[in-house]
């Protein structure tokens, strides 16, 4: 194989390998965060914990919106104190003050990061896209518990307060909502009134 051909093959191989690694890095990082709780990523469960301890922990709730998101979004309670392992429920409120339908998706994290592995959500508005009509106000629940195994973790067992933080971002409307939100054209008005 000639020197230039060999260099070209090696360069193409490097580019393909780097592209594959870049493509795989996001799902791998998401999987890693879910498994380890790294970066404050929480866990999920189908049901509450079987064990409830006498030790309590405070959970503080925080709400933010992306600068481009016109919704008003806030927790309906600032903080709750629950026993570790006990199922808790908290509500957030979202309001669409605009004259258009807006869809949003919430990202979330937990602080301190060591608590992410033990903070478990059973149900959450953040699992699905939310769509608010103009002027609509909704209450959105999150059901959760703090895993009792946290008291066995040499770092996490000293945590006394967890902060659960959400940020809402505007997202594209689902197709069905796009059609419902589409303005009525003159042709459609004429058809409705039997003018065409």
C-alpha atoms as a PDB file:
ATOM      1  CA  UNK A   1       0.000   0.000   0.000  1.00  0.00           C
ATOM      2  CA  UNK A   2       1.342   3.402  -0.948  1.00  0.00           C
ATOM      3  CA  UNK A   3       2.141   5.957   1.752  1.00  0.00           C
ATOM      4  CA  UNK A   4      -0.605   8.397   0.674  1.00  0.00           C
ATOM      5  CA  UNK A   5      -3.240   5.617   0.461  1.00  0.00           C
ATOM      6  CA  UNK A   6      -2.268   4.328   3.892  1.00  0.00           C
ATOM      7  CA  UNK A   7      -2.482   7.866   5.349  1.00  0.00           C
ATOM      8  CA  UNK A   8      -5.908   8.376   3.742  1.00  0.00           C
ATOM      9  CA  UNK A   9      -7.235   5.057   5.129  1.00  0.00           C
ATOM     10  CA  UNK A  10      -5.902   5.855   8.625  1.00  0.00           C
ATOM     11  CA  UNK A  11      -7.393   9.365   8.510  1.00  0.00           C
ATOM     12  CA  UNK A  12     -10.808   8.069   7.384  1.00  0.00           C
ATOM     13  CA  UNK A  13     -10.677   5.368  10.049  1.00  0.00           C
ATOM     14  CA  UNK A  14      -9.903   7.968  12.708  1.00  0.00           C
ATOM     15  CA  UNK A  15     -12.744  10.239  11.532  1.00  0.00           C
ATOM     16  CA  UNK A  16     -15.263   7.364  11.518  1.00  0.00           C
ATOM     17  CA  UNK A  17     -14.124   6.180  14.970  1.00  0.00           C
ATOM     18  CA  UNK A  18     -14.320   9.692  16.446  1.00  0.00           C
ATOM     19  CA  UNK A  19     -17.778  10.206  14.888  1.00  0.00           C
ATOM     20  CA  UNK A  20     -19.029   6.912  16.367  1.00  0.00           C
ATOM     21  CA  UNK A  21     -17.655   7.804  19.806  1.00  0.00           C
ATOM     22  CA  UNK A  22     -19.256  11.261  19.658  1.00  0.00           C
ATOM     23  CA  UNK A  23     -22.601   9.728  18.633  1.00  0.00           C
ATOM     24  CA  UNK A  24     -22.468   7.182  21.470  1.00  0.00           C
ATOM     25  CA  UNK A  25     -21.263   9.593  24.149  1.00  0.00           C
ATOM     26  CA  UNK A  26     -24.648  11.219  24.907  1.00  0.00           C
ATOM     27  CA  UNK A  27     -26.613   7.998  25.488  1.00  0.00           C
ATOM     28  CA  UNK A  28     -23.681   6.517  27.393  1.00  0.00           C
ATOM     29  CA  UNK A  29     -23.402   9.607  29.615  1.00  0.00           C
ATOM     30  CA  UNK A  30     -27.187   9.574  30.271  1.00  0.00           C
ATOM     31  CA  UNK A  31     -27.012   5.880  31.192  1.00  0.00           C
ATOM     32  CA  UNK A  32     -24.009   6.499  33.447  1.00  0.00           C
ATOM     33  CA  UNK A  33     -25.797   9.372  35.254  1.00  0.00           C
ATOM     34  CA  UNK A  34     -28.967   7.301  35.769  1.00  0.00           C
ATOM     35  CA  UNK A  35     -27.018   4.349  37.170  1.00  0.00           C
ATOM     36  CA  UNK A  36     -24.706   6.323  39.455  1.00  0.00           C
ATOM     37  CA  UNK A  37     -26.778   9.434  40.241  1.00  0.00           C
ATOM     38  CA  UNK A  38     -23.816  11.476  38.926  1.00  0.00           C
ATOM     39  CA  UNK A  39     -24.601  15.126  38.309  1.00  0.00           C
ATOM     40  CA  UNK A  40     -27.732  15.010  40.469  1.00  0.00           C
ATOM     41  CA  UNK A  41     -29.676  12.713  38.141  1.00  0.00           C
ATOM     42  CA  UNK A  42     -32.465  10.976  40.055  1.00  0.00           C
ATOM     43  CA  UNK A  43     -33.699   7.379  40.020  1.00  0.00           C
ATOM     44  CA  UNK A  44     -37.188   6.121  39.089  1.00  0.00           C
ATOM     45  CA  UNK A  45     -39.401   3.411  40.570  1.00  0.00           C
ATOM     46  CA  UNK A  46     -42.854   1.917  40.017  1.00  0.00           C
ATOM     47  CA  UNK A  47     -43.777   2.025  43.717  1.00  0.00           C
ATOM     48  CA  UNK A  48     -42.646   3.431  47.049  1.00  0.00           C
ATOM     49  CA  UNK A  49     -40.057   1.997  49.398  1.00  0.00           C
ATOM     50  CA  UNK A  50     -40.809  -1.019  51.597  1.00  0.00           C
ATOM     51  CA  UNK A  51     -38.730   0.477  54.402  1.00  0.00           C
ATOM     52  CA  UNK A  52     -39.437   3.743  56.225  1.00  0.00           C
ATOM     53  CA  UNK A  53     -36.898   5.016  58.744  1.00  0.00           C
ATOM     54  CA  UNK A  54     -37.435   7.272  61.763  1.00  0.00           C
ATOM     55  CA  UNK A  55     -34.791   9.645  60.414  1.00  0.00           C
ATOM     56  CA  UNK A  56     -36.186  12.644  58.509  1.00  0.00           C
ATOM     57  CA  UNK A  57     -34.801  14.712  55.674  1.00  0.00           C
ATOM     58  CA  UNK A  58     -35.875  18.063  54.233  1.00  0.00           C
ATOM     59  CA  UNK A  59     -36.621  18.373  50.517  1.00  0.00           C
ATOM     60  CA  UNK A  60     -36.583  21.877  49.055  1.00  0.00           C
ATOM     61  CA  UNK A  61     -38.227  22.638  45.701  1.00  0.00           C
ATOM     62  CA  UNK A  62     -36.880  25.027  43.082  1.00  0.00           C
ATOM     63  CA  UNK A  63     -38.367  26.144  39.751  1.00  0.00           C
ATOM     64  CA  UNK A  64     -36.852  27.955  36.773  1.00  0.00           C
ATOM     65  CA  UNK A  65     -37.694  28.630  33.152  1.00  0.00           C
ATOM     66  CA  UNK A  66     -35.376  28.912  30.191  1.00  0.00           C
ATOM     67  CA  UNK A  67     -35.048  32.575  29.065  1.00  0.00           C
ATOM     68  CA  UNK A  68     -37.062  31.754  25.917  1.00  0.00           C
ATOM     69  CA  UNK A  69     -39.917  30.088  27.831  1.00  0.00           C
ATOM     70  CA  UNK A  70     -42.785  32.522  28.571  1.00  0.00           C
ATOM     71  CA  UNK A  71     -44.503  30.346  31.190  1.00  0.00           C
ATOM     72  CA  UNK A  72     -44.668  31.260  34.856  1.00  0.00           C
ATOM     73  CA  UNK A  73     -43.513  28.247  36.853  1.00  0.00           C
ATOM     74  CA  UNK A  74     -43.171  27.814  40.628  1.00  0.00           C
ATOM     75  CA  UNK A  75     -43.332  25.236  43.425  1.00  0.00           C
ATOM     76  CA  UNK A  76     -46.559  25.339  45.441  1.00  0.00           C
ATOM     77  CA  UNK A  77     -44.574  24.584  48.610  1.00  0.00           C
ATOM     78  CA  UNK A  78     -40.987  25.569  49.256  1.00  0.00           C
ATOM     79  CA  UNK A  79     -39.969  22.658  51.447  1.00  0.00           C
ATOM     80  CA  UNK A  80     -41.257  19.467  53.051  1.00  0.00           C
ATOM     81  CA  UNK A  81     -39.806  17.274  55.755  1.00  0.00           C
ATOM     82  CA  UNK A  82     -40.379  13.542  55.310  1.00  0.00           C
ATOM     83  CA  UNK A  83     -39.050  10.352  56.815  1.00  0.00           C
ATOM     84  CA  UNK A  84     -36.443   8.577  54.715  1.00  0.00           C
ATOM     85  CA  UNK A  85     -38.263   5.890  52.710  1.00  0.00           C
ATOM     86  CA  UNK A  86     -41.655   7.615  53.074  1.00  0.00           C
ATOM     87  CA  UNK A  87     -43.491   8.503  49.862  1.00  0.00           C
ATOM     88  CA  UNK A  88     -43.893  12.256  49.474  1.00  0.00           C
ATOM     89  CA  UNK A  89     -45.831  14.346  46.991  1.00  0.00           C
ATOM     90  CA  UNK A  90     -45.238  17.934  45.973  1.00  0.00           C
ATOM     91  CA  UNK A  91     -46.951  20.190  43.460  1.00  0.00           C
ATOM     92  CA  UNK A  92     -45.627  22.717  41.001  1.00  0.00           C
ATOM     93  CA  UNK A  93     -47.766  25.300  39.216  1.00  0.00           C
ATOM     94  CA  UNK A  94     -47.349  26.358  35.600  1.00  0.00           C
ATOM     95  CA  UNK A  95     -49.209  29.203  33.915  1.00  0.00           C
ATOM     96  CA  UNK A  96     -49.261  30.171  30.238  1.00  0.00           C
ATOM     97  CA  UNK A  97     -49.899  33.948  30.161  1.00  0.00           C
ATOM     98  CA  UNK A  98     -49.663  34.151  26.360  1.00  0.00           C
ATOM     99  CA  UNK A  99     -52.332  33.971  23.666  1.00  0.00           C
ATOM    100  CA  UNK A 100     -50.845  30.857  22.052  1.00  0.00           C
ATOM    101  CA  UNK A 101     -50.564  27.152  22.862  1.00  0.00           C
ATOM    102  CA  UNK A 102     -47.126  26.331  24.290  1.00  0.00           C
ATOM    103  CA  UNK A 103     -45.502  22.958  24.915  1.00  0.00           C
ATOM    104  CA  UNK A 104     -42.764  22.524  27.469  1.00  0.00           C
ATOM    105  CA  UNK A 105     -40.433  19.875  28.825  1.00  0.00           C
ATOM    106  CA  UNK A 106     -38.788  20.011  32.236  1.00  0.00           C
ATOM    107  CA  UNK A 107     -35.202  19.031  32.937  1.00  0.00           C
ATOM    108  CA  UNK A 108     -34.236  18.408  36.539  1.00  0.00           C
ATOM    109  CA  UNK A 109     -31.425  17.749  38.942  1.00  0.00           C
ATOM    110  CA  UNK A 110     -30.852  17.162  42.616  1.00  0.00           C
ATOM    111  CA  UNK A 111     -28.333  18.821  44.908  1.00  0.00           C
ATOM    112  CA  UNK A 112     -26.125  17.814  46.542  1.00  0.00           C
ATOM    113  CA  UNK A 113     -25.051  15.436  43.802  1.00  0.00           C
ATOM    114  CA  UNK A 114     -24.473  12.597  46.271  1.00  0.00           C
ATOM    115  CA  UNK A 115     -28.226  12.548  46.910  1.00  0.00           C
ATOM    116  CA  UNK A 116     -29.115  11.928  43.246  1.00  0.00           C
ATOM    117  CA  UNK A 117     -28.566   8.190  43.509  1.00  0.00           C
ATOM    118  CA  UNK A 118     -30.999   7.968  46.437  1.00  0.00           C
ATOM    119  CA  UNK A 119     -33.713  10.411  45.341  1.00  0.00           C
ATOM    120  CA  UNK A 120     -36.316   8.276  43.578  1.00  0.00           C
ATOM    121  CA  UNK A 121     -39.293   9.512  41.556  1.00  0.00           C
ATOM    122  CA  UNK A 122     -42.395   7.350  41.273  1.00  0.00           C
ATOM    123  CA  UNK A 123     -44.349   9.767  39.083  1.00  0.00           C
ATOM    124  CA  UNK A 124     -43.448  13.184  37.716  1.00  0.00           C
ATOM    125  CA  UNK A 125     -44.683  15.797  35.266  1.00  0.00           C
ATOM    126  CA  UNK A 126     -41.107  15.822  33.959  1.00  0.00           C
ATOM    127  CA  UNK A 127     -41.571  12.340  32.460  1.00  0.00           C
ATOM    128  CA  UNK A 128     -43.751  13.737  29.646  1.00  0.00           C
ATOM    129  CA  UNK A 129     -44.166  16.880  27.586  1.00  0.00           C
ATOM    130  CA  UNK A 130     -46.663  19.385  29.014  1.00  0.00           C
ATOM    131  CA  UNK A 131     -48.961  21.455  26.771  1.00  0.00           C
ATOM    132  CA  UNK A 132     -50.752  24.544  28.079  1.00  0.00           C
ATOM    133  CA  UNK A 133     -53.506  26.415  26.288  1.00  0.00           C
ATOM    134  CA  UNK A 134     -53.526  30.251  26.304  1.00  0.00           C
ATOM    135  CA  UNK A 135     -54.257  31.460  29.840  1.00  0.00           C
ATOM    136  CA  UNK A 136     -54.217  27.908  31.259  1.00  0.00           C
ATOM    137  CA  UNK A 137     -52.923  27.288  34.790  1.00  0.00           C
ATOM    138  CA  UNK A 138     -52.157  23.732  35.976  1.00  0.00           C
ATOM    139  CA  UNK A 139     -50.919  21.986  39.098  1.00  0.00           C
ATOM    140  CA  UNK A 140     -48.365  19.282  38.354  1.00  0.00           C
ATOM    141  CA  UNK A 141     -47.409  16.634  40.933  1.00  0.00           C
ATOM    142  CA  UNK A 142     -44.160  14.845  41.603  1.00  0.00           C
ATOM    143  CA  UNK A 143     -44.275  11.714  43.782  1.00  0.00           C
ATOM    144  CA  UNK A 144     -40.972  10.629  45.301  1.00  0.00           C
ATOM    145  CA  UNK A 145     -39.072   9.049  48.171  1.00  0.00           C
ATOM    146  CA  UNK A 146     -35.531   9.082  49.487  1.00  0.00           C
ATOM    147  CA  UNK A 147     -34.064   5.579  49.412  1.00  0.00           C
ATOM    148  CA  UNK A 148     -33.220   4.306  52.934  1.00  0.00           C
ATOM    149  CA  UNK A 149     -29.901   2.966  51.605  1.00  0.00           C
ATOM    150  CA  UNK A 150     -28.699   6.572  51.737  1.00  0.00           C
ATOM    151  CA  UNK A 151     -27.995   6.223  55.476  1.00  0.00           C
ATOM    152  CA  UNK A 152     -25.424   3.503  54.675  1.00  0.00           C
ATOM    153  CA  UNK A 153     -23.486   5.684  52.191  1.00  0.00           C
ATOM    154  CA  UNK A 154     -20.362   7.104  53.853  1.00  0.00           C
ATOM    155  CA  UNK A 155     -20.813  10.501  52.139  1.00  0.00           C
ATOM    156  CA  UNK A 156     -24.558  10.783  51.609  1.00  0.00           C
ATOM    157  CA  UNK A 157     -25.580   9.782  55.135  1.00  0.00           C
ATOM    158  CA  UNK A 158     -24.692  13.280  56.395  1.00  0.00           C
ATOM    159  CA  UNK A 159     -27.059  15.043  53.983  1.00  0.00           C
ATOM    160  CA  UNK A 160     -29.844  16.838  55.834  1.00  0.00           C
ATOM    161  CA  UNK A 161     -31.465  18.739  52.955  1.00  0.00           C
ATOM    162  CA  UNK A 162     -32.012  17.852  49.283  1.00  0.00           C
ATOM    163  CA  UNK A 163     -32.889  20.439  46.646  1.00  0.00           C
ATOM    164  CA  UNK A 164     -35.013  19.239  43.713  1.00  0.00           C
ATOM    165  CA  UNK A 165     -34.737  21.732  40.878  1.00  0.00           C
ATOM    166  CA  UNK A 166     -36.650  21.907  37.583  1.00  0.00           C
ATOM    167  CA  UNK A 167     -36.155  24.076  34.516  1.00  0.00           C
ATOM    168  CA  UNK A 168     -38.879  24.246  31.844  1.00  0.00           C
ATOM    169  CA  UNK A 169     -37.918  24.667  28.186  1.00  0.00           C
ATOM    170  CA  UNK A 170     -40.261  25.419  25.314  1.00  0.00           C
ATOM    171  CA  UNK A 171     -40.506  22.505  22.886  1.00  0.00           C
ATOM    172  CA  UNK A 172     -42.256  21.883  19.596  1.00  0.00           C
ATOM    173  CA  UNK A 173     -45.971  21.177  19.846  1.00  0.00           C
ATOM    174  CA  UNK A 174     -47.170  17.642  19.106  1.00  0.00           C
ATOM    175  CA  UNK A 175     -48.815  17.401  15.674  1.00  0.00           C
ATOM    176  CA  UNK A 176     -52.336  17.138  17.090  1.00  0.00           C
ATOM    177  CA  UNK A 177     -51.786  20.345  19.084  1.00  0.00           C
ATOM    178  CA  UNK A 178     -50.273  22.063  16.025  1.00  0.00           C
ATOM    179  CA  UNK A 179     -53.461  21.461  14.085  1.00  0.00           C
ATOM    180  CA  UNK A 180     -55.675  22.563  16.974  1.00  0.00           C
ATOM    181  CA  UNK A 181     -53.632  25.745  17.453  1.00  0.00           C
ATOM    182  CA  UNK A 182     -53.495  26.620  13.732  1.00  0.00           C
ATOM    183  CA  UNK A 183     -55.342  29.851  12.899  1.00  0.00           C
ATOM    184  CA  UNK A 184     -58.534  29.507  10.874  1.00  0.00           C
ATOM    185  CA  UNK A 185     -57.998  30.654   7.292  1.00  0.00           C
ATOM    186  CA  UNK A 186     -60.488  32.633   5.193  1.00  0.00           C
ATOM    187  CA  UNK A 187     -61.133  29.533   3.074  1.00  0.00           C
ATOM    188  CA  UNK A 188     -61.965  27.460   6.116  1.00  0.00           C
ATOM    189  CA  UNK A 189     -64.256  30.205   7.416  1.00  0.00           C
ATOM    190  CA  UNK A 190     -66.002  30.352   4.059  1.00  0.00           C
ATOM    191  CA  UNK A 191     -66.471  26.581   4.036  1.00  0.00           C
ATOM    192  CA  UNK A 192     -67.891  26.670   7.568  1.00  0.00           C
ATOM    193  CA  UNK A 193     -70.400  29.329   6.627  1.00  0.00           C
ATOM    194  CA  UNK A 194     -71.334  27.616   3.379  1.00  0.00           C
ATOM    195  CA  UNK A 195     -69.955  30.488   1.270  1.00  0.00           C
ATOM    196  CA  UNK A 196     -67.743  28.349  -1.024  1.00  0.00           C
END
